[in-house]
């Protein structure tokens, strides 16, 4: 059974464009490894520049396989050079009853 996750990336100084590029390719790269479903991700930007992505892993086992996949590890290193991962709760909009974000086209 699929597992939907929400992840929040905060760009490092001067890395916002690089982060957008990485997020744009993220789902396709995971899909090439057979780790995510066909469900299109939802990608959005908070007022503070954080990018939030909602996507679906194939299964809990696929998440585990990702941690042992060299292509995914290399991709995660690229992300680490461009951003820090933060809890969605750290984005101010998340405290609103109806959280609004700017959509980013994937």
N, C-alpha and C. Protein backbone atom coordinates (compact mmCIF):
# COMPACT_ATOMS: atom_id res chain seq x y z
N UNK A 1 0.84 -1.18 0.00
CA UNK A 1 0.00 0.00 0.00
C UNK A 1 0.88 1.24 0.00
N UNK A 2 0.50 2.24 -0.77
CA UNK A 2 1.26 3.48 -0.86
C UNK A 2 1.33 4.22 0.46
N UNK A 3 2.33 5.09 0.56
CA UNK A 3 2.53 5.92 1.76
C UNK A 3 2.70 7.36 1.30
N UNK A 4 1.74 8.22 1.61
CA UNK A 4 1.84 9.63 1.24
C UNK A 4 2.62 10.35 2.31
N UNK A 5 3.59 11.13 1.86
CA UNK A 5 4.43 11.90 2.78
C UNK A 5 4.40 13.38 2.42
N UNK A 6 4.68 14.19 3.42
CA UNK A 6 4.81 15.63 3.25
C UNK A 6 6.21 15.99 3.73
N UNK A 7 6.98 16.63 2.87
CA UNK A 7 8.34 17.02 3.23
C UNK A 7 8.50 18.51 2.98
N UNK A 8 9.28 19.15 3.84
CA UNK A 8 9.51 20.58 3.71
C UNK A 8 11.01 20.84 3.60
N UNK A 9 11.38 21.56 2.56
CA UNK A 9 12.78 21.90 2.29
C UNK A 9 12.96 23.41 2.48
N UNK A 10 13.93 23.82 3.27
CA UNK A 10 14.26 25.24 3.42
C UNK A 10 15.56 25.47 2.67
N UNK A 11 15.54 26.31 1.62
CA UNK A 11 16.76 26.50 0.83
C UNK A 11 17.87 27.15 1.65
N UNK A 12 19.08 26.70 1.41
CA UNK A 12 20.24 27.35 1.99
C UNK A 12 20.46 28.68 1.27
N UNK A 13 21.16 29.63 1.88
CA UNK A 13 21.37 30.94 1.25
C UNK A 13 21.93 30.78 -0.17
N UNK A 14 21.27 31.47 -1.10
CA UNK A 14 21.71 31.45 -2.49
C UNK A 14 21.38 30.17 -3.25
N UNK A 15 20.63 29.25 -2.66
CA UNK A 15 20.37 27.95 -3.28
C UNK A 15 18.90 27.74 -3.67
N UNK A 16 18.08 28.78 -3.64
CA UNK A 16 16.65 28.62 -3.92
C UNK A 16 16.40 28.08 -5.32
N UNK A 17 17.10 28.61 -6.31
CA UNK A 17 16.89 28.13 -7.69
C UNK A 17 17.35 26.70 -7.85
N UNK A 18 18.46 26.35 -7.23
CA UNK A 18 18.96 24.97 -7.29
C UNK A 18 17.96 24.03 -6.62
N UNK A 19 17.41 24.44 -5.50
CA UNK A 19 16.43 23.61 -4.81
C UNK A 19 15.20 23.41 -5.69
N UNK A 20 14.71 24.47 -6.32
CA UNK A 20 13.55 24.32 -7.21
C UNK A 20 13.85 23.32 -8.33
N UNK A 21 15.05 23.37 -8.89
CA UNK A 21 15.45 22.43 -9.95
C UNK A 21 15.42 21.00 -9.42
N UNK A 22 15.98 20.80 -8.23
CA UNK A 22 16.02 19.46 -7.64
C UNK A 22 14.61 18.93 -7.35
N UNK A 23 13.77 19.76 -6.78
CA UNK A 23 12.42 19.33 -6.45
C UNK A 23 11.65 19.02 -7.74
N UNK A 24 11.87 19.81 -8.77
CA UNK A 24 11.19 19.58 -10.05
C UNK A 24 11.50 18.18 -10.59
N UNK A 25 12.72 17.70 -10.41
CA UNK A 25 13.14 16.39 -10.92
C UNK A 25 12.98 15.26 -9.90
N UNK A 26 12.69 15.58 -8.67
CA UNK A 26 12.68 14.62 -7.57
C UNK A 26 11.80 13.40 -7.85
N UNK A 27 10.54 13.62 -8.16
CA UNK A 27 9.60 12.52 -8.34
C UNK A 27 10.03 11.62 -9.51
N UNK A 28 10.43 12.23 -10.62
CA UNK A 28 10.87 11.44 -11.78
C UNK A 28 12.07 10.58 -11.43
N UNK A 29 12.98 11.12 -10.65
CA UNK A 29 14.18 10.35 -10.27
C UNK A 29 13.80 9.17 -9.36
N UNK A 30 12.89 9.40 -8.43
CA UNK A 30 12.43 8.30 -7.59
C UNK A 30 11.63 7.28 -8.40
N UNK A 31 10.85 7.77 -9.35
CA UNK A 31 10.06 6.87 -10.18
C UNK A 31 10.96 5.99 -11.05
N UNK A 32 12.06 6.54 -11.53
CA UNK A 32 13.01 5.76 -12.33
C UNK A 32 13.59 4.59 -11.53
N UNK A 33 13.60 4.73 -10.21
CA UNK A 33 14.10 3.67 -9.33
C UNK A 33 12.98 2.75 -8.85
N UNK A 34 11.75 3.00 -9.31
CA UNK A 34 10.62 2.15 -8.93
C UNK A 34 10.16 2.33 -7.50
N UNK A 35 10.33 3.54 -6.95
CA UNK A 35 10.06 3.75 -5.53
C UNK A 35 8.79 4.54 -5.22
N UNK A 36 8.26 5.26 -6.20
CA UNK A 36 7.06 6.07 -5.98
C UNK A 36 5.97 5.67 -6.96
N UNK A 37 4.76 6.06 -6.63
CA UNK A 37 3.62 5.75 -7.49
C UNK A 37 3.53 6.76 -8.64
N UNK A 38 2.56 6.53 -9.50
CA UNK A 38 2.30 7.43 -10.63
C UNK A 38 1.59 8.72 -10.18
N UNK A 39 1.09 8.73 -8.95
CA UNK A 39 0.38 9.92 -8.47
C UNK A 39 1.28 11.14 -8.57
N UNK A 40 0.80 12.17 -9.23
CA UNK A 40 1.60 13.39 -9.40
C UNK A 40 1.84 14.05 -8.05
N UNK A 41 3.06 14.51 -7.81
CA UNK A 41 3.32 15.22 -6.55
C UNK A 41 2.67 16.59 -6.56
N UNK A 42 2.43 17.11 -5.37
CA UNK A 42 1.97 18.49 -5.21
C UNK A 42 3.14 19.23 -4.59
N UNK A 43 3.56 20.30 -5.26
CA UNK A 43 4.72 21.07 -4.81
C UNK A 43 4.29 22.52 -4.66
N UNK A 44 4.65 23.10 -3.52
CA UNK A 44 4.21 24.47 -3.23
C UNK A 44 5.30 25.22 -2.46
N UNK A 45 5.18 26.54 -2.47
CA UNK A 45 6.17 27.37 -1.79
C UNK A 45 5.50 28.23 -0.73
N UNK A 46 6.12 28.28 0.44
CA UNK A 46 5.65 29.12 1.54
C UNK A 46 6.19 30.54 1.37
N UNK A 47 5.63 31.47 2.09
CA UNK A 47 6.06 32.87 2.01
C UNK A 47 7.53 33.04 2.37
N UNK A 48 8.05 32.17 3.24
CA UNK A 48 9.46 32.30 3.65
C UNK A 48 10.42 31.59 2.69
N UNK A 49 9.89 31.08 1.56
CA UNK A 49 10.75 30.43 0.58
C UNK A 49 10.90 28.93 0.75
N UNK A 50 10.37 28.39 1.83
CA UNK A 50 10.40 26.94 2.00
C UNK A 50 9.54 26.29 0.93
N UNK A 51 9.97 25.12 0.48
CA UNK A 51 9.21 24.37 -0.52
C UNK A 51 8.66 23.12 0.16
N UNK A 52 7.39 22.88 -0.06
CA UNK A 52 6.71 21.73 0.51
C UNK A 52 6.31 20.81 -0.63
N UNK A 53 6.59 19.53 -0.46
CA UNK A 53 6.25 18.55 -1.48
C UNK A 53 5.42 17.44 -0.83
N UNK A 54 4.35 17.05 -1.51
CA UNK A 54 3.52 15.94 -1.08
C UNK A 54 3.60 14.90 -2.20
N UNK A 55 4.03 13.69 -1.85
CA UNK A 55 4.13 12.64 -2.86
C UNK A 55 3.89 11.28 -2.23
N UNK A 56 3.76 10.26 -3.08
CA UNK A 56 3.40 8.93 -2.60
C UNK A 56 4.47 7.90 -2.93
N UNK A 57 5.05 7.32 -1.89
CA UNK A 57 5.95 6.17 -2.04
C UNK A 57 5.11 4.96 -2.42
N UNK A 58 5.71 4.00 -3.10
CA UNK A 58 5.01 2.76 -3.45
C UNK A 58 4.55 2.00 -2.20
N UNK A 59 5.38 2.01 -1.17
CA UNK A 59 5.10 1.24 0.04
C UNK A 59 6.10 1.64 1.12
N UNK A 60 5.87 1.14 2.32
CA UNK A 60 6.84 1.34 3.40
C UNK A 60 8.17 0.68 3.03
N UNK A 61 8.09 -0.46 2.35
CA UNK A 61 9.31 -1.16 1.92
C UNK A 61 10.08 -0.34 0.90
N UNK A 62 9.38 0.39 0.04
CA UNK A 62 10.05 1.24 -0.94
C UNK A 62 10.83 2.35 -0.24
N UNK A 63 10.27 2.88 0.84
CA UNK A 63 10.99 3.89 1.62
C UNK A 63 12.29 3.30 2.15
N UNK A 64 12.21 2.09 2.67
CA UNK A 64 13.40 1.42 3.19
C UNK A 64 14.41 1.15 2.07
N UNK A 65 13.93 0.70 0.91
CA UNK A 65 14.83 0.45 -0.22
C UNK A 65 15.55 1.72 -0.66
N UNK A 66 14.86 2.85 -0.56
CA UNK A 66 15.47 4.13 -0.95
C UNK A 66 16.73 4.41 -0.14
N UNK A 67 16.72 3.99 1.11
CA UNK A 67 17.86 4.24 1.98
C UNK A 67 19.09 3.39 1.64
N UNK A 68 18.91 2.43 0.74
CA UNK A 68 20.02 1.55 0.32
C UNK A 68 20.26 1.66 -1.18
N UNK A 69 19.73 2.70 -1.81
CA UNK A 69 19.81 2.88 -3.25
C UNK A 69 20.85 3.95 -3.56
N UNK A 70 21.86 3.61 -4.34
CA UNK A 70 22.95 4.55 -4.59
C UNK A 70 22.49 5.79 -5.37
N UNK A 71 21.56 5.63 -6.31
CA UNK A 71 21.07 6.78 -7.06
C UNK A 71 20.31 7.74 -6.14
N UNK A 72 19.53 7.19 -5.23
CA UNK A 72 18.78 8.02 -4.29
C UNK A 72 19.74 8.69 -3.30
N UNK A 73 20.73 7.97 -2.83
CA UNK A 73 21.72 8.56 -1.92
C UNK A 73 22.43 9.74 -2.59
N UNK A 74 22.78 9.58 -3.85
CA UNK A 74 23.44 10.68 -4.58
C UNK A 74 22.50 11.88 -4.70
N UNK A 75 21.23 11.61 -4.97
CA UNK A 75 20.25 12.70 -5.08
C UNK A 75 20.10 13.40 -3.73
N UNK A 76 20.03 12.62 -2.66
CA UNK A 76 19.89 13.23 -1.33
C UNK A 76 21.10 14.09 -0.98
N UNK A 77 22.27 13.75 -1.47
CA UNK A 77 23.46 14.59 -1.25
C UNK A 77 23.30 15.92 -1.98
N UNK A 78 22.72 15.87 -3.18
CA UNK A 78 22.45 17.13 -3.91
C UNK A 78 21.48 18.00 -3.11
N UNK A 79 20.44 17.38 -2.57
CA UNK A 79 19.49 18.13 -1.75
C UNK A 79 20.18 18.72 -0.53
N UNK A 80 21.06 17.95 0.12
CA UNK A 80 21.75 18.43 1.32
C UNK A 80 22.61 19.65 1.03
N UNK A 81 23.11 19.76 -0.20
CA UNK A 81 23.93 20.92 -0.59
C UNK A 81 23.07 22.15 -0.89
N UNK A 82 21.75 21.94 -1.06
CA UNK A 82 20.87 23.04 -1.45
C UNK A 82 19.86 23.44 -0.37
N UNK A 83 19.65 22.56 0.62
CA UNK A 83 18.59 22.87 1.58
C UNK A 83 18.81 22.14 2.89
N UNK A 84 17.96 22.50 3.84
CA UNK A 84 17.84 21.72 5.06
C UNK A 84 16.39 21.25 5.11
N UNK A 85 16.17 20.08 5.68
CA UNK A 85 14.83 19.55 5.86
C UNK A 85 14.29 20.10 7.18
N UNK A 86 13.07 20.59 7.15
CA UNK A 86 12.46 21.13 8.36
C UNK A 86 11.06 20.55 8.52
N UNK A 87 10.57 20.46 9.75
CA UNK A 87 9.19 20.01 9.94
C UNK A 87 8.22 21.00 9.29
N UNK A 88 7.18 20.49 8.70
CA UNK A 88 6.16 21.36 8.10
C UNK A 88 5.62 22.33 9.14
N UNK A 89 5.57 21.91 10.38
CA UNK A 89 5.06 22.78 11.45
C UNK A 89 5.91 24.04 11.62
N UNK A 90 7.15 24.04 11.11
CA UNK A 90 8.01 25.23 11.20
C UNK A 90 7.66 26.29 10.16
N UNK A 91 6.79 25.96 9.23
CA UNK A 91 6.36 26.93 8.22
C UNK A 91 5.17 27.68 8.80
N UNK A 92 5.25 29.01 8.88
CA UNK A 92 4.17 29.77 9.54
C UNK A 92 2.77 29.46 9.02
N UNK A 93 2.61 29.23 7.74
CA UNK A 93 1.29 28.95 7.18
C UNK A 93 0.67 27.68 7.76
N UNK A 94 1.49 26.76 8.23
CA UNK A 94 0.99 25.49 8.75
C UNK A 94 0.13 25.67 10.00
N UNK A 95 0.24 26.81 10.66
CA UNK A 95 -0.56 27.04 11.87
C UNK A 95 -1.96 27.56 11.55
N UNK A 96 -2.20 27.87 10.30
CA UNK A 96 -3.51 28.38 9.88
C UNK A 96 -4.48 27.23 9.66
N UNK A 97 -5.75 27.46 9.89
CA UNK A 97 -6.77 26.46 9.66
C UNK A 97 -6.78 26.03 8.18
N UNK A 98 -6.68 27.00 7.29
CA UNK A 98 -6.58 26.74 5.86
C UNK A 98 -5.24 27.31 5.40
N UNK A 99 -4.23 26.45 5.36
CA UNK A 99 -2.89 26.88 4.99
C UNK A 99 -2.82 27.14 3.49
N UNK A 100 -2.35 28.33 3.10
CA UNK A 100 -2.26 28.68 1.70
C UNK A 100 -0.80 28.80 1.28
N UNK A 101 -0.52 28.26 0.09
CA UNK A 101 0.83 28.29 -0.47
C UNK A 101 0.75 28.62 -1.95
N UNK A 102 1.86 29.03 -2.51
CA UNK A 102 1.95 29.29 -3.94
C UNK A 102 2.30 27.97 -4.63
N UNK A 103 1.51 27.55 -5.62
CA UNK A 103 1.83 26.30 -6.30
C UNK A 103 3.08 26.45 -7.16
N UNK A 104 3.90 25.41 -7.16
CA UNK A 104 5.04 25.33 -8.06
C UNK A 104 4.76 24.19 -9.03
N UNK A 105 4.87 24.46 -10.28
CA UNK A 105 4.58 23.44 -11.29
C UNK A 105 5.69 22.41 -11.29
N UNK A 106 5.31 21.15 -11.21
CA UNK A 106 6.30 20.06 -11.23
C UNK A 106 6.59 19.64 -12.65
